[in-house]
Full PDB file with SEQRES, HELIX, SHEET, SSBOND, CRYST1, ORIGX, SCALE, CONECT and MASTER records, all heavy atoms in Angstrom:
SEQRES   1 A   32  ARG GLU VAL ARG CYS ILE ARG HIS SER PRO LEU LEU VAL          
SEQRES   2 A   32  ALA LEU THR GLY PHE ALA HIS GLN GLN TYR ARG ASP GLU          
SEQRES   3 A   32  ALA GLY ALA ALA GLY ILE                                      
HELIX    1 AA1 VAL A    3  CYS A    5  5                                   3    
HELIX    2 AA2 GLN A   21  ALA A   29  1                                   9    
CRYST1    1.000    1.000    1.000  90.00  90.00  90.00 P 1           1          
ORIGX1      1.000000  0.000000  0.000000        0.00000                         
ORIGX2      0.000000  1.000000  0.000000        0.00000                         
ORIGX3      0.000000  0.000000  1.000000        0.00000                         
SCALE1      1.000000  0.000000  0.000000        0.00000                         
SCALE2      0.000000  1.000000  0.000000        0.00000                         
SCALE3      0.000000  0.000000  1.000000        0.00000                         
ATOM      1  N   ARG A   1      29.233 154.929  77.820  1.00  0.00           N  
ATOM      2  CA  ARG A   1      28.327 156.083  77.689  1.00  0.00           C  
ATOM      3  C   ARG A   1      28.554 157.103  78.805  1.00  0.00           C  
ATOM      4  O   ARG A   1      28.545 158.312  78.573  1.00  0.00           O  
ATOM      5  CB  ARG A   1      26.878 155.612  77.688  1.00  0.00           C  
ATOM      6  CG  ARG A   1      26.490 154.912  76.407  1.00  0.00           C  
ATOM      7  CD  ARG A   1      24.996 154.544  76.390  1.00  0.00           C  
ATOM      8  NE  ARG A   1      24.774 153.493  75.427  1.00  0.00           N  
ATOM      9  CZ  ARG A   1      24.614 152.204  75.719  1.00  0.00           C  
ATOM     10  NH1 ARG A   1      24.610 151.801  76.974  1.00  0.00           N  
ATOM     11  NH2 ARG A   1      24.433 151.320  74.763  1.00  0.00           N  
ATOM     12  N   GLU A   2      28.770 156.608  80.018  1.00  0.00           N  
ATOM     13  CA  GLU A   2      29.037 157.510  81.154  1.00  0.00           C  
ATOM     14  C   GLU A   2      30.375 158.220  80.986  1.00  0.00           C  
ATOM     15  O   GLU A   2      30.482 159.418  81.263  1.00  0.00           O  
ATOM     16  CB  GLU A   2      29.019 156.731  82.472  1.00  0.00           C  
ATOM     17  CG  GLU A   2      27.653 156.277  82.911  1.00  0.00           C  
ATOM     18  CD  GLU A   2      26.752 157.425  83.314  1.00  0.00           C  
ATOM     19  OE1 GLU A   2      27.236 158.388  83.924  1.00  0.00           O  
ATOM     20  OE2 GLU A   2      25.555 157.352  82.999  1.00  0.00           O  
ATOM     21  N   VAL A   3      31.387 157.487  80.551  1.00  0.00           N  
ATOM     22  CA  VAL A   3      32.713 158.086  80.357  1.00  0.00           C  
ATOM     23  C   VAL A   3      32.635 159.200  79.320  1.00  0.00           C  
ATOM     24  O   VAL A   3      33.278 160.247  79.477  1.00  0.00           O  
ATOM     25  CB  VAL A   3      33.754 157.014  79.951  1.00  0.00           C  
ATOM     26  CG1 VAL A   3      35.032 157.644  79.424  1.00  0.00           C  
ATOM     27  CG2 VAL A   3      34.060 156.101  81.135  1.00  0.00           C  
ATOM     28  N   ARG A   4      31.853 159.018  78.303  1.00  0.00           N  
ATOM     29  CA  ARG A   4      31.728 160.035  77.255  1.00  0.00           C  
ATOM     30  C   ARG A   4      31.087 161.329  77.784  1.00  0.00           C  
ATOM     31  O   ARG A   4      31.220 162.377  77.154  1.00  0.00           O  
ATOM     32  CB  ARG A   4      30.936 159.495  76.067  1.00  0.00           C  
ATOM     33  CG  ARG A   4      31.731 158.500  75.267  1.00  0.00           C  
ATOM     34  CD  ARG A   4      32.920 159.190  74.628  1.00  0.00           C  
ATOM     35  NE  ARG A   4      33.851 158.244  74.063  1.00  0.00           N  
ATOM     36  CZ  ARG A   4      35.136 158.193  74.369  1.00  0.00           C  
ATOM     37  NH1 ARG A   4      35.644 159.020  75.255  1.00  0.00           N  
ATOM     38  NH2 ARG A   4      35.930 157.321  73.805  1.00  0.00           N  
ATOM     39  N   CYS A   5      30.440 161.281  78.933  1.00  0.00           N  
ATOM     40  CA  CYS A   5      29.839 162.479  79.543  1.00  0.00           C  
ATOM     41  C   CYS A   5      30.824 163.217  80.447  1.00  0.00           C  
ATOM     42  O   CYS A   5      30.528 164.320  80.910  1.00  0.00           O  
ATOM     43  CB  CYS A   5      28.607 162.090  80.364  1.00  0.00           C  
ATOM     44  SG  CYS A   5      27.259 161.442  79.367  1.00  0.00           S  
ATOM     45  N   ILE A   6      31.987 162.622  80.690  1.00  0.00           N  
ATOM     46  CA  ILE A   6      32.986 163.224  81.572  1.00  0.00           C  
ATOM     47  C   ILE A   6      33.864 164.168  80.760  1.00  0.00           C  
ATOM     48  O   ILE A   6      34.219 163.874  79.621  1.00  0.00           O  
ATOM     49  CB  ILE A   6      33.834 162.112  82.245  1.00  0.00           C  
ATOM     50  CG1 ILE A   6      32.939 161.245  83.128  1.00  0.00           C  
ATOM     51  CG2 ILE A   6      34.993 162.696  83.038  1.00  0.00           C  
ATOM     52  CD1 ILE A   6      33.610 159.996  83.664  1.00  0.00           C  
ATOM     53  N   ARG A   7      34.216 165.281  81.352  1.00  0.00           N  
ATOM     54  CA  ARG A   7      35.013 166.292  80.653  1.00  0.00           C  
ATOM     55  C   ARG A   7      36.320 165.710  80.125  1.00  0.00           C  
ATOM     56  O   ARG A   7      36.706 165.955  78.996  1.00  0.00           O  
ATOM     57  CB  ARG A   7      35.285 167.468  81.583  1.00  0.00           C  
ATOM     58  CG  ARG A   7      35.976 168.617  80.911  1.00  0.00           C  
ATOM     59  CD  ARG A   7      36.111 169.782  81.819  1.00  0.00           C  
ATOM     60  NE  ARG A   7      36.527 169.311  83.132  1.00  0.00           N  
ATOM     61  CZ  ARG A   7      36.724 170.071  84.177  1.00  0.00           C  
ATOM     62  NH1 ARG A   7      36.560 171.357  84.085  1.00  0.00           N  
ATOM     63  NH2 ARG A   7      37.089 169.574  85.331  1.00  0.00           N  
ATOM     64  N   HIS A   8      37.039 164.970  80.948  1.00  0.00           N  
ATOM     65  CA  HIS A   8      38.256 164.292  80.497  1.00  0.00           C  
ATOM     66  C   HIS A   8      37.818 162.964  79.903  1.00  0.00           C  
ATOM     67  O   HIS A   8      37.454 162.050  80.620  1.00  0.00           O  
ATOM     68  CB  HIS A   8      39.215 164.065  81.672  1.00  0.00           C  
ATOM     69  CG  HIS A   8      40.312 163.095  81.335  1.00  0.00           C  
ATOM     70  ND1 HIS A   8      41.342 163.417  80.493  1.00  0.00           N  
ATOM     71  CD2 HIS A   8      40.518 161.807  81.698  1.00  0.00           C  
ATOM     72  CE1 HIS A   8      42.140 162.371  80.376  1.00  0.00           C  
ATOM     73  NE2 HIS A   8      41.660 161.381  81.102  1.00  0.00           N  
ATOM     74  N   SER A   9      37.822 162.859  78.597  1.00  0.00           N  
ATOM     75  CA  SER A   9      37.290 161.676  77.938  1.00  0.00           C  
ATOM     76  C   SER A   9      38.410 160.885  77.266  1.00  0.00           C  
ATOM     77  O   SER A   9      38.883 161.249  76.197  1.00  0.00           O  
ATOM     78  CB  SER A   9      36.250 162.106  76.903  1.00  0.00           C  
ATOM     79  OG  SER A   9      35.568 161.000  76.411  1.00  0.00           O  
ATOM     80  N   PRO A  10      38.861 159.804  77.902  1.00  0.00           N  
ATOM     81  CA  PRO A  10      39.942 158.992  77.332  1.00  0.00           C  
ATOM     82  C   PRO A  10      39.477 158.192  76.123  1.00  0.00           C  
ATOM     83  O   PRO A  10      38.277 158.043  75.878  1.00  0.00           O  
ATOM     84  CB  PRO A  10      40.311 158.059  78.483  1.00  0.00           C  
ATOM     85  CG  PRO A  10      39.071 157.963  79.297  1.00  0.00           C  
ATOM     86  CD  PRO A  10      38.374 159.287  79.166  1.00  0.00           C  
ATOM     87  N   LEU A  11      40.424 157.664  75.394  1.00  0.00           N  
ATOM     88  CA  LEU A  11      40.109 156.761  74.303  1.00  0.00           C  
ATOM     89  C   LEU A  11      39.603 155.452  74.893  1.00  0.00           C  
ATOM     90  O   LEU A  11      40.116 154.985  75.915  1.00  0.00           O  
ATOM     91  CB  LEU A  11      41.352 156.526  73.451  1.00  0.00           C  
ATOM     92  CG  LEU A  11      41.845 157.758  72.696  1.00  0.00           C  
ATOM     93  CD1 LEU A  11      43.250 157.544  72.194  1.00  0.00           C  
ATOM     94  CD2 LEU A  11      40.907 158.091  71.556  1.00  0.00           C  
ATOM     95  N   LEU A  12      38.615 154.862  74.249  1.00  0.00           N  
ATOM     96  CA  LEU A  12      38.016 153.629  74.738  1.00  0.00           C  
ATOM     97  C   LEU A  12      38.299 152.480  73.779  1.00  0.00           C  
ATOM     98  O   LEU A  12      38.059 152.602  72.574  1.00  0.00           O  
ATOM     99  CB  LEU A  12      36.510 153.786  74.903  1.00  0.00           C  
ATOM    100  CG  LEU A  12      36.051 154.826  75.921  1.00  0.00           C  
ATOM    101  CD1 LEU A  12      34.534 154.957  75.892  1.00  0.00           C  
ATOM    102  CD2 LEU A  12      36.523 154.456  77.315  1.00  0.00           C  
ATOM    103  N   VAL A  13      38.797 151.381  74.338  1.00  0.00           N  
ATOM    104  CA  VAL A  13      39.086 150.178  73.563  1.00  0.00           C  
ATOM    105  C   VAL A  13      38.351 149.019  74.217  1.00  0.00           C  
ATOM    106  O   VAL A  13      38.625 148.684  75.377  1.00  0.00           O  
ATOM    107  CB  VAL A  13      40.604 149.884  73.527  1.00  0.00           C  
ATOM    108  CG1 VAL A  13      40.873 148.594  72.747  1.00  0.00           C  
ATOM    109  CG2 VAL A  13      41.375 151.055  72.938  1.00  0.00           C  
ATOM    110  N   ALA A  14      37.405 148.424  73.491  1.00  0.00           N  
ATOM    111  CA  ALA A  14      36.725 147.235  74.010  1.00  0.00           C  
ATOM    112  C   ALA A  14      37.680 146.056  73.909  1.00  0.00           C  
ATOM    113  O   ALA A  14      38.325 145.856  72.877  1.00  0.00           O  
ATOM    114  CB  ALA A  14      35.457 146.955  73.217  1.00  0.00           C  
ATOM    115  N   LEU A  15      37.778 145.292  74.978  1.00  0.00           N  
ATOM    116  CA  LEU A  15      38.535 144.042  75.000  1.00  0.00           C  
ATOM    117  C   LEU A  15      37.589 143.026  75.621  1.00  0.00           C  
ATOM    118  O   LEU A  15      37.447 142.952  76.840  1.00  0.00           O  
ATOM    119  CB  LEU A  15      39.820 144.199  75.815  1.00  0.00           C  
ATOM    120  CG  LEU A  15      40.767 143.011  75.822  1.00  0.00           C  
ATOM    121  CD1 LEU A  15      41.157 142.608  74.395  1.00  0.00           C  
ATOM    122  CD2 LEU A  15      42.007 143.336  76.624  1.00  0.00           C  
ATOM    123  N   THR A  16      36.908 142.279  74.763  1.00  0.00           N  
ATOM    124  CA  THR A  16      35.752 141.507  75.208  1.00  0.00           C  
ATOM    125  C   THR A  16      35.655 140.156  74.514  1.00  0.00           C  
ATOM    126  O   THR A  16      36.253 139.957  73.452  1.00  0.00           O  
ATOM    127  CB  THR A  16      34.471 142.328  74.940  1.00  0.00           C  
ATOM    128  OG1 THR A  16      33.337 141.618  75.434  1.00  0.00           O  
ATOM    129  CG2 THR A  16      34.281 142.630  73.467  1.00  0.00           C  
ATOM    130  N   GLY A  17      34.899 139.273  75.116  1.00  0.00           N  
ATOM    131  CA  GLY A  17      34.599 137.989  74.502  1.00  0.00           C  
ATOM    132  C   GLY A  17      33.387 138.044  73.592  1.00  0.00           C  
ATOM    133  O   GLY A  17      33.068 137.083  72.899  1.00  0.00           O  
ATOM    134  N   PHE A  18      32.694 139.175  73.577  1.00  0.00           N  
ATOM    135  CA  PHE A  18      31.501 139.339  72.742  1.00  0.00           C  
ATOM    136  C   PHE A  18      31.926 139.708  71.326  1.00  0.00           C  
ATOM    137  O   PHE A  18      32.261 140.851  71.050  1.00  0.00           O  
ATOM    138  CB  PHE A  18      30.595 140.438  73.298  1.00  0.00           C  
ATOM    139  CG  PHE A  18      30.081 140.189  74.687  1.00  0.00           C  
ATOM    140  CD1 PHE A  18      29.764 141.245  75.508  1.00  0.00           C  
ATOM    141  CD2 PHE A  18      29.907 138.907  75.189  1.00  0.00           C  
ATOM    142  CE1 PHE A  18      29.274 141.042  76.793  1.00  0.00           C  
ATOM    143  CE2 PHE A  18      29.419 138.685  76.473  1.00  0.00           C  
ATOM    144  CZ  PHE A  18      29.105 139.759  77.268  1.00  0.00           C  
ATOM    145  N   ALA A  19      31.876 138.738  70.420  1.00  0.00           N  
ATOM    146  CA  ALA A  19      32.441 138.943  69.083  1.00  0.00           C  
ATOM    147  C   ALA A  19      31.414 139.298  68.005  1.00  0.00           C  
ATOM    148  O   ALA A  19      31.805 139.716  66.924  1.00  0.00           O  
ATOM    149  CB  ALA A  19      33.196 137.686  68.659  1.00  0.00           C  
ATOM    150  N   HIS A  20      30.138 139.154  68.274  1.00  0.00           N  
ATOM    151  CA  HIS A  20      29.128 139.380  67.237  1.00  0.00           C  
ATOM    152  C   HIS A  20      29.100 140.830  66.762  1.00  0.00           C  
ATOM    153  O   HIS A  20      29.392 141.756  67.518  1.00  0.00           O  
ATOM    154  CB  HIS A  20      27.741 138.984  67.763  1.00  0.00           C  
ATOM    155  CG  HIS A  20      27.616 137.518  67.983  1.00  0.00           C  
ATOM    156  ND1 HIS A  20      27.896 136.934  69.193  1.00  0.00           N  
ATOM    157  CD2 HIS A  20      27.268 136.522  67.145  1.00  0.00           C  
ATOM    158  CE1 HIS A  20      27.704 135.636  69.100  1.00  0.00           C  
ATOM    159  NE2 HIS A  20      27.333 135.352  67.873  1.00  0.00           N  
ATOM    160  N   GLN A  21      28.695 141.010  65.517  1.00  0.00           N  
ATOM    161  CA  GLN A  21      28.633 142.348  64.924  1.00  0.00           C  
ATOM    162  C   GLN A  21      27.726 143.278  65.722  1.00  0.00           C  
ATOM    163  O   GLN A  21      27.991 144.474  65.831  1.00  0.00           O  
ATOM    164  CB  GLN A  21      28.160 142.262  63.467  1.00  0.00           C  
ATOM    165  CG  GLN A  21      28.207 143.575  62.732  1.00  0.00           C  
ATOM    166  CD  GLN A  21      29.605 144.150  62.625  1.00  0.00           C  
ATOM    167  OE1 GLN A  21      30.562 143.419  62.335  1.00  0.00           O  
ATOM    168  NE2 GLN A  21      29.761 145.439  62.864  1.00  0.00           N  
ATOM    169  N   GLN A  22      26.675 142.747  66.311  1.00  0.00           N  
ATOM    170  CA  GLN A  22      25.766 143.559  67.131  1.00  0.00           C  
ATOM    171  C   GLN A  22      26.525 144.284  68.234  1.00  0.00           C  
ATOM    172  O   GLN A  22      26.304 145.462  68.492  1.00  0.00           O  
ATOM    173  CB  GLN A  22      24.685 142.669  67.749  1.00  0.00           C  
ATOM    174  CG  GLN A  22      23.852 143.360  68.800  1.00  0.00           C  
ATOM    175  CD  GLN A  22      22.982 142.381  69.582  1.00  0.00           C  
ATOM    176  OE1 GLN A  22      22.845 141.223  69.218  1.00  0.00           O  
ATOM    177  NE2 GLN A  22      22.406 142.851  70.665  1.00  0.00           N  
ATOM    178  N   TYR A  23      27.446 143.582  68.892  1.00  0.00           N  
ATOM    179  CA  TYR A  23      28.228 144.194  69.971  1.00  0.00           C  
ATOM    180  C   TYR A  23      29.186 145.248  69.423  1.00  0.00           C  
ATOM    181  O   TYR A  23      29.392 146.291  70.045  1.00  0.00           O  
ATOM    182  CB  TYR A  23      29.000 143.135  70.764  1.00  0.00           C  
ATOM    183  CG  TYR A  23      28.086 142.201  71.504  1.00  0.00           C  
ATOM    184  CD1 TYR A  23      27.953 140.881  71.104  1.00  0.00           C  
ATOM    185  CD2 TYR A  23      27.340 142.642  72.588  1.00  0.00           C  
ATOM    186  CE1 TYR A  23      27.103 140.008  71.776  1.00  0.00           C  
ATOM    187  CE2 TYR A  23      26.494 141.781  73.272  1.00  0.00           C  
ATOM    188  CZ  TYR A  23      26.373 140.472  72.857  1.00  0.00           C  
ATOM    189  OH  TYR A  23      25.534 139.627  73.528  1.00  0.00           O  
ATOM    190  N   ARG A  24      29.758 144.985  68.270  1.00  0.00           N  
ATOM    191  CA  ARG A  24      30.644 145.973  67.639  1.00  0.00           C  
ATOM    192  C   ARG A  24      29.862 147.258  67.328  1.00  0.00           C  
ATOM    193  O   ARG A  24      30.342 148.353  67.574  1.00  0.00           O  
ATOM    194  CB  ARG A  24      31.259 145.414  66.361  1.00  0.00           C  
ATOM    195  CG  ARG A  24      32.235 144.285  66.608  1.00  0.00           C  
ATOM    196  CD  ARG A  24      32.707 143.672  65.280  1.00  0.00           C  
ATOM    197  NE  ARG A  24      33.527 142.520  65.498  1.00  0.00           N  
ATOM    198  CZ  ARG A  24      34.851 142.546  65.666  1.00  0.00           C  
ATOM    199  NH1 ARG A  24      35.479 143.695  65.624  1.00  0.00           N  
ATOM    200  NH2 ARG A  24      35.522 141.435  65.872  1.00  0.00           N  
ATOM    201  N   ASP A  25      28.668 147.082  66.788  1.00  0.00           N  
ATOM    202  CA  ASP A  25      27.833 148.233  66.452  1.00  0.00           C  
ATOM    203  C   ASP A  25      27.437 149.009  67.707  1.00  0.00           C  
ATOM    204  O   ASP A  25      27.509 150.242  67.733  1.00  0.00           O  
ATOM    205  CB  ASP A  25      26.575 147.784  65.700  1.00  0.00           C  
ATOM    206  CG  ASP A  25      26.875 147.188  64.333  1.00  0.00           C  
ATOM    207  OD1 ASP A  25      28.002 147.382  63.810  1.00  0.00           O  
ATOM    208  OD2 ASP A  25      25.985 146.493  63.788  1.00  0.00           O  
ATOM    209  N   GLU A  26      27.020 148.293  68.746  1.00  0.00           N  
ATOM    210  CA  GLU A  26      26.630 148.939  70.001  1.00  0.00           C  
ATOM    211  C   GLU A  26      27.821 149.635  70.657  1.00  0.00           C  
ATOM    212  O   GLU A  26      27.679 150.718  71.220  1.00  0.00           O  
ATOM    213  CB  GLU A  26      26.018 147.917  70.961  1.00  0.00           C  
ATOM    214  CG  GLU A  26      24.655 147.421  70.515  1.00  0.00           C  
ATOM    215  CD  GLU A  26      24.086 146.329  71.410  1.00  0.00           C  
ATOM    216  OE1 GLU A  26      24.726 145.962  72.418  1.00  0.00           O  
ATOM    217  OE2 GLU A  26      22.989 145.843  71.086  1.00  0.00           O  
ATOM    218  N   ALA A  27      28.986 149.012  70.563  1.00  0.00           N  
ATOM    219  CA  ALA A  27      30.199 149.622  71.129  1.00  0.00           C  
ATOM    220  C   ALA A  27      30.519 150.930  70.414  1.00  0.00           C  
ATOM    221  O   ALA A  27      30.822 151.938  71.057  1.00  0.00           O  
ATOM    222  CB  ALA A  27      31.371 148.644  71.033  1.00  0.00           C  
ATOM    223  N   GLY A  28      30.448 150.921  69.100  1.00  0.00           N  
ATOM    224  CA  GLY A  28      30.700 152.145  68.337  1.00  0.00           C  
ATOM    225  C   GLY A  28      29.706 153.241  68.692  1.00  0.00           C  
ATOM    226  O   GLY A  28      30.084 154.403  68.875  1.00  0.00           O  
ATOM    227  N   ALA A  29      28.441 152.879  68.842  1.00  0.00           N  
ATOM    228  CA  ALA A  29      27.414 153.856  69.203  1.00  0.00           C  
ATOM    229  C   ALA A  29      27.632 154.410  70.611  1.00  0.00           C  
ATOM    230  O   ALA A  29      27.253 155.547  70.898  1.00  0.00           O  
ATOM    231  CB  ALA A  29      26.027 153.220  69.097  1.00  0.00           C  
ATOM    232  N   ALA A  30      28.280 153.622  71.480  1.00  0.00           N  
ATOM    233  CA  ALA A  30      28.542 154.061  72.853  1.00  0.00           C  
ATOM    234  C   ALA A  30      29.820 154.896  72.961  1.00  0.00           C  
ATOM    235  O   ALA A  30      30.145 155.388  74.034  1.00  0.00           O  
ATOM    236  CB  ALA A  30      28.638 152.848  73.778  1.00  0.00           C  
ATOM    237  N   GLY A  31      30.546 155.042  71.856  1.00  0.00           N  
ATOM    238  CA  GLY A  31      31.746 155.872  71.862  1.00  0.00           C  
ATOM    239  C   GLY A  31      33.053 155.109  71.970  1.00  0.00           C  
ATOM    240  O   GLY A  31      34.106 155.697  72.206  1.00  0.00           O  
ATOM    241  N   ILE A  32      33.009 153.809  71.772  1.00  0.00           N  
ATOM    242  CA  ILE A  32      34.219 152.986  71.823  1.00  0.00           C  
ATOM    243  C   ILE A  32      34.881 153.031  70.452  1.00  0.00           C  
ATOM    244  O   ILE A  32      34.264 152.697  69.443  1.00  0.00           O  
ATOM    245  CB  ILE A  32      33.883 151.542  72.245  1.00  0.00           C  
ATOM    246  CG1 ILE A  32      33.343 151.555  73.689  1.00  0.00           C  
ATOM    247  CG2 ILE A  32      35.090 150.633  72.101  1.00  0.00           C  
ATOM    248  CD1 ILE A  32      32.810 150.229  74.180  1.00  0.00           C  
TER     249      ILE A  32                                                      
MASTER        0    0    0    2    0    0    0    6  248    1    0    3          
END                                                                             
């Protein structure tokens, strides 16, 4: 969320052990 507020906004790729759909949904909402 903080990165998305920065003028230079890189692509975001989650690489995580959190596999549940809830985390996928939250990640998408955060701009990942």
